[in-house]
Amino acid sequence: MEEHIEQLLKEKEAAQLVVTSVKETQMIGADLISSPTDLASSLATGETTRLSQELQAHKQKNEKLLQKFQTLESQKVKNDTLYVEEMQKSQRLGLKVKQLERKTLMAETLAQDKEDIWLDISHSITEVWSSIQIIFEQQELIAKCRAEIET
């Protein structure tokens, strides 16, 4: 995430450098073109040709830099979009993690409750079992007594 932000900052700085360079080149070209008659009269033909070629080279460089700037700008837009999507995805995953943590906590609590209930049931059965055994013994004795009375 931090690397992505650093990359975006570097691209922004590069784009600003391109814009600055383009403006400077345009200013140089504007200075050369501002007074063509004065320039032509004061300079030799070879000098004008050289300046014209230099201006043409600056224009080409300007166009290349402008294309590079536009490419960087479109990449920046794509990166910004991807960054927003990743942030939203990260937030959704964070919410999902919190939900799963709650479910896990609830499951642990439920498991503990079940264990406590079964422990209580087993204690109750142990406590009551002796009474149940006595009842069965009494029923056996009653059955024997009836059998003796009937015979």
C-alpha atoms as a PDB file:
ATOM      1  CA  MET A   1       0.000   0.000   0.000  1.00  0.00           C
ATOM      2  CA  GLU A   2       2.796   2.436   0.963  1.00  0.00           C
ATOM      3  CA  GLU A   3       4.771   1.440  -2.118  1.00  0.00           C
ATOM      4  CA  HIS A   4       1.750   2.245  -4.241  1.00  0.00           C
ATOM      5  CA  ILE A   5       1.455   5.702  -2.652  1.00  0.00           C
ATOM      6  CA  GLU A   6       5.179   6.343  -3.143  1.00  0.00           C
ATOM      7  CA  GLN A   7       4.891   5.308  -6.788  1.00  0.00           C
ATOM      8  CA  LEU A   8       1.974   7.691  -7.287  1.00  0.00           C
ATOM      9  CA  LEU A   9       3.964  10.531  -5.705  1.00  0.00           C
ATOM     10  CA  LYS A  10       6.942   9.829  -7.989  1.00  0.00           C
ATOM     11  CA  GLU A  11       4.654   9.801 -11.027  1.00  0.00           C
ATOM     12  CA  LYS A  12       3.131  13.095  -9.922  1.00  0.00           C
ATOM     13  CA  GLU A  13       6.589  14.654  -9.556  1.00  0.00           C
ATOM     14  CA  ALA A  14       7.584  13.353 -13.005  1.00  0.00           C
ATOM     15  CA  ALA A  15       4.392  14.784 -14.487  1.00  0.00           C
ATOM     16  CA  GLN A  16       5.072  18.163 -12.870  1.00  0.00           C
ATOM     17  CA  LEU A  17       8.613  18.102 -14.256  1.00  0.00           C
ATOM     18  CA  VAL A  18       7.245  17.376 -17.731  1.00  0.00           C
ATOM     19  CA  VAL A  19       4.742  20.237 -17.461  1.00  0.00           C
ATOM     20  CA  THR A  20       7.475  22.618 -16.287  1.00  0.00           C
ATOM     21  CA  SER A  21       9.760  21.562 -19.137  1.00  0.00           C
ATOM     22  CA  VAL A  22       6.937  21.983 -21.658  1.00  0.00           C
ATOM     23  CA  LYS A  23       6.181  25.481 -20.375  1.00  0.00           C
ATOM     24  CA  GLU A  24       9.852  26.477 -20.517  1.00  0.00           C
ATOM     25  CA  THR A  25      10.162  25.160 -24.072  1.00  0.00           C
ATOM     26  CA  GLN A  26       7.042  27.041 -25.112  1.00  0.00           C
ATOM     27  CA  MET A  27       8.428  30.219 -23.541  1.00  0.00           C
ATOM     28  CA  ILE A  28      11.688  29.834 -25.488  1.00  0.00           C
ATOM     29  CA  GLY A  29       9.737  29.281 -28.699  1.00  0.00           C
ATOM     30  CA  ALA A  30       7.528  32.280 -27.968  1.00  0.00           C
ATOM     31  CA  ASP A  31      10.583  34.472 -27.426  1.00  0.00           C
ATOM     32  CA  LEU A  32      12.018  33.382 -30.749  1.00  0.00           C
ATOM     33  CA  ILE A  33       8.761  33.952 -32.605  1.00  0.00           C
ATOM     34  CA  SER A  34       7.770  37.216 -30.859  1.00  0.00           C
ATOM     35  CA  SER A  35       9.787  39.417 -33.179  1.00  0.00           C
ATOM     36  CA  PRO A  36      10.603  37.448 -36.336  1.00  0.00           C
ATOM     37  CA  THR A  37      11.404  40.538 -38.419  1.00  0.00           C
ATOM     38  CA  ASP A  38      13.858  41.879 -35.866  1.00  0.00           C
ATOM     39  CA  LEU A  39      15.385  38.451 -35.538  1.00  0.00           C
ATOM     40  CA  ALA A  40      15.697  37.924 -39.269  1.00  0.00           C
ATOM     41  CA  SER A  41      17.274  41.320 -39.840  1.00  0.00           C
ATOM     42  CA  SER A  42      19.783  41.022 -37.035  1.00  0.00           C
ATOM     43  CA  LEU A  43      20.914  37.468 -37.680  1.00  0.00           C
ATOM     44  CA  ALA A  44      22.544  35.864 -40.622  1.00  0.00           C
ATOM     45  CA  THR A  45      20.595  33.364 -42.668  1.00  0.00           C
ATOM     46  CA  GLY A  46      22.586  30.468 -41.209  1.00  0.00           C
ATOM     47  CA  GLU A  47      21.751  31.645 -37.709  1.00  0.00           C
ATOM     48  CA  THR A  48      18.019  31.787 -38.497  1.00  0.00           C
ATOM     49  CA  THR A  49      18.152  28.310 -39.984  1.00  0.00           C
ATOM     50  CA  ARG A  50      19.922  27.006 -36.905  1.00  0.00           C
ATOM     51  CA  LEU A  51      17.410  28.699 -34.622  1.00  0.00           C
ATOM     52  CA  SER A  52      14.549  27.389 -36.727  1.00  0.00           C
ATOM     53  CA  GLN A  53      15.934  23.865 -36.443  1.00  0.00           C
ATOM     54  CA  GLU A  54      16.432  24.336 -32.723  1.00  0.00           C
ATOM     55  CA  LEU A  55      12.848  25.545 -32.408  1.00  0.00           C
ATOM     56  CA  GLN A  56      11.652  22.515 -34.376  1.00  0.00           C
ATOM     57  CA  ALA A  57      13.666  20.230 -32.105  1.00  0.00           C
ATOM     58  CA  HIS A  58      12.132  21.912 -29.063  1.00  0.00           C
ATOM     59  CA  LYS A  59       8.666  21.451 -30.532  1.00  0.00           C
ATOM     60  CA  GLN A  60       9.317  17.747 -31.132  1.00  0.00           C
ATOM     61  CA  LYS A  61      10.708  17.362 -27.650  1.00  0.00           C
ATOM     62  CA  ASN A  62       7.689  19.257 -26.375  1.00  0.00           C
ATOM     63  CA  GLU A  63       5.302  16.906 -28.179  1.00  0.00           C
ATOM     64  CA  LYS A  64       7.089  13.839 -26.814  1.00  0.00           C
ATOM     65  CA  LEU A  65       7.016  15.235 -23.306  1.00  0.00           C
ATOM     66  CA  LEU A  66       3.339  16.079 -23.678  1.00  0.00           C
ATOM     67  CA  GLN A  67       2.600  12.529 -24.842  1.00  0.00           C
ATOM     68  CA  LYS A  68       4.587  11.164 -21.918  1.00  0.00           C
ATOM     69  CA  PHE A  69       2.681  13.469 -19.581  1.00  0.00           C
ATOM     70  CA  GLN A  70      -0.651  12.276 -20.982  1.00  0.00           C
ATOM     71  CA  THR A  71       0.456   8.654 -20.588  1.00  0.00           C
ATOM     72  CA  LEU A  72       1.505   9.302 -17.004  1.00  0.00           C
ATOM     73  CA  GLU A  73      -1.762  11.101 -16.343  1.00  0.00           C
ATOM     74  CA  SER A  74      -3.787   8.157 -17.665  1.00  0.00           C
ATOM     75  CA  GLN A  75      -1.670   5.754 -15.595  1.00  0.00           C
ATOM     76  CA  LYS A  76      -2.280   7.934 -12.558  1.00  0.00           C
ATOM     77  CA  VAL A  77      -6.030   7.767 -13.125  1.00  0.00           C
ATOM     78  CA  LYS A  78      -5.835   3.976 -13.493  1.00  0.00           C
ATOM     79  CA  ASN A  79      -3.694   3.695 -10.358  1.00  0.00           C
ATOM     80  CA  ASP A  80      -6.053   5.940  -8.414  1.00  0.00           C
ATOM     81  CA  THR A  81      -8.983   3.775  -9.495  1.00  0.00           C
ATOM     82  CA  LEU A  82      -7.129   0.602  -8.529  1.00  0.00           C
ATOM     83  CA  TYR A  83      -6.158   2.144  -5.205  1.00  0.00           C
ATOM     84  CA  VAL A  84      -9.772   3.029  -4.404  1.00  0.00           C
ATOM     85  CA  GLU A  85     -10.913  -0.466  -5.400  1.00  0.00           C
ATOM     86  CA  GLU A  86      -8.219  -2.056  -3.235  1.00  0.00           C
ATOM     87  CA  MET A  87      -9.147   0.148  -0.284  1.00  0.00           C
ATOM     88  CA  GLN A  88     -12.812  -0.832  -0.636  1.00  0.00           C
ATOM     89  CA  LYS A  89     -11.825  -4.484  -0.932  1.00  0.00           C
ATOM     90  CA  SER A  90      -9.621  -4.135   2.151  1.00  0.00           C
ATOM     91  CA  GLN A  91     -12.470  -2.554   4.113  1.00  0.00           C
ATOM     92  CA  ARG A  92     -14.854  -5.335   3.059  1.00  0.00           C
ATOM     93  CA  LEU A  93     -12.307  -7.957   4.115  1.00  0.00           C
ATOM     94  CA  GLY A  94     -11.815  -6.164   7.425  1.00  0.00           C
ATOM     95  CA  LEU A  95     -15.558  -6.278   8.079  1.00  0.00           C
ATOM     96  CA  LYS A  96     -15.638  -9.945   7.099  1.00  0.00           C
ATOM     97  CA  VAL A  97     -12.788 -10.683   9.531  1.00  0.00           C
ATOM     98  CA  LYS A  98     -14.659  -8.911  12.328  1.00  0.00           C
ATOM     99  CA  GLN A  99     -17.809 -10.911  11.561  1.00  0.00           C
ATOM    100  CA  LEU A 100     -15.848 -14.152  11.560  1.00  0.00           C
ATOM    101  CA  GLU A 101     -14.197 -13.201  14.843  1.00  0.00           C
ATOM    102  CA  ARG A 102     -17.627 -12.581  16.368  1.00  0.00           C
ATOM    103  CA  LYS A 103     -18.911 -15.897  15.026  1.00  0.00           C
ATOM    104  CA  THR A 104     -15.849 -17.685  16.387  1.00  0.00           C
ATOM    105  CA  LEU A 105     -16.290 -16.044  19.762  1.00  0.00           C
ATOM    106  CA  MET A 106     -19.970 -16.998  19.734  1.00  0.00           C
ATOM    107  CA  ALA A 107     -19.082 -20.577  18.745  1.00  0.00           C
ATOM    108  CA  GLU A 108     -16.549 -20.795  21.572  1.00  0.00           C
ATOM    109  CA  THR A 109     -19.106 -19.404  24.006  1.00  0.00           C
ATOM    110  CA  LEU A 110     -21.739 -21.831  22.726  1.00  0.00           C
ATOM    111  CA  ALA A 111     -19.312 -24.747  23.024  1.00  0.00           C
ATOM    112  CA  GLN A 112     -18.494 -23.710  26.589  1.00  0.00           C
ATOM    113  CA  ASP A 113     -22.206 -23.422  27.397  1.00  0.00           C
ATOM    114  CA  LYS A 114     -22.849 -26.911  25.977  1.00  0.00           C
ATOM    115  CA  GLU A 115     -19.993 -28.310  28.010  1.00  0.00           C
ATOM    116  CA  ASP A 116     -21.342 -26.660  31.168  1.00  0.00           C
ATOM    117  CA  ILE A 117     -24.855 -28.002  30.497  1.00  0.00           C
ATOM    118  CA  TRP A 118     -23.600 -31.573  29.962  1.00  0.00           C
ATOM    119  CA  LEU A 119     -21.464 -31.291  33.064  1.00  0.00           C
ATOM    120  CA  ASP A 120     -24.529 -30.212  35.063  1.00  0.00           C
ATOM    121  CA  ILE A 121     -26.559 -33.060  33.555  1.00  0.00           C
ATOM    122  CA  SER A 122     -23.898 -35.611  34.452  1.00  0.00           C
ATOM    123  CA  HIS A 123     -23.727 -34.292  38.035  1.00  0.00           C
ATOM    124  CA  SER A 124     -27.506 -34.434  38.271  1.00  0.00           C
ATOM    125  CA  ILE A 125     -27.544 -37.989  36.920  1.00  0.00           C
ATOM    126  CA  THR A 126     -24.841 -39.017  39.412  1.00  0.00           C
ATOM    127  CA  GLU A 127     -26.773 -37.456  42.283  1.00  0.00           C
ATOM    128  CA  VAL A 128     -30.087 -38.965  41.208  1.00  0.00           C
ATOM    129  CA  TRP A 129     -28.675 -42.355  40.218  1.00  0.00           C
ATOM    130  CA  SER A 130     -28.484 -43.604  43.795  1.00  0.00           C
ATOM    131  CA  SER A 131     -32.175 -42.703  44.247  1.00  0.00           C
ATOM    132  CA  ILE A 132     -33.038 -44.511  41.013  1.00  0.00           C
ATOM    133  CA  GLN A 133     -31.183 -47.604  42.198  1.00  0.00           C
ATOM    134  CA  ILE A 134     -33.126 -47.546  45.481  1.00  0.00           C
ATOM    135  CA  ILE A 135     -36.417 -47.262  43.559  1.00  0.00           C
ATOM    136  CA  PHE A 136     -35.495 -50.278  41.404  1.00  0.00           C
ATOM    137  CA  GLU A 137     -34.542 -52.269  44.521  1.00  0.00           C
ATOM    138  CA  GLN A 138     -37.849 -51.311  46.163  1.00  0.00           C
ATOM    139  CA  GLN A 139     -39.757 -52.395  43.040  1.00  0.00           C
ATOM    140  CA  GLU A 140     -37.960 -55.745  43.105  1.00  0.00           C
ATOM    141  CA  LEU A 141     -38.803 -56.172  46.792  1.00  0.00           C
ATOM    142  CA  ILE A 142     -42.441 -55.261  46.141  1.00  0.00           C
ATOM    143  CA  ALA A 143     -42.567 -57.777  43.305  1.00  0.00           C
ATOM    144  CA  LYS A 144     -41.104 -60.488  45.586  1.00  0.00           C
ATOM    145  CA  CYS A 145     -43.542 -59.634  48.343  1.00  0.00           C
ATOM    146  CA  ARG A 146     -46.518 -59.909  45.979  1.00  0.00           C
ATOM    147  CA  ALA A 147     -45.219 -63.188  44.713  1.00  0.00           C
ATOM    148  CA  GLU A 148     -44.991 -64.546  48.297  1.00  0.00           C
ATOM    149  CA  ILE A 149     -48.415 -63.234  49.190  1.00  0.00           C
ATOM    150  CA  GLU A 150     -49.993 -64.869  46.175  1.00  0.00           C
ATOM    151  CA  THR A 151     -48.399 -68.217  46.878  1.00  0.00           C
END
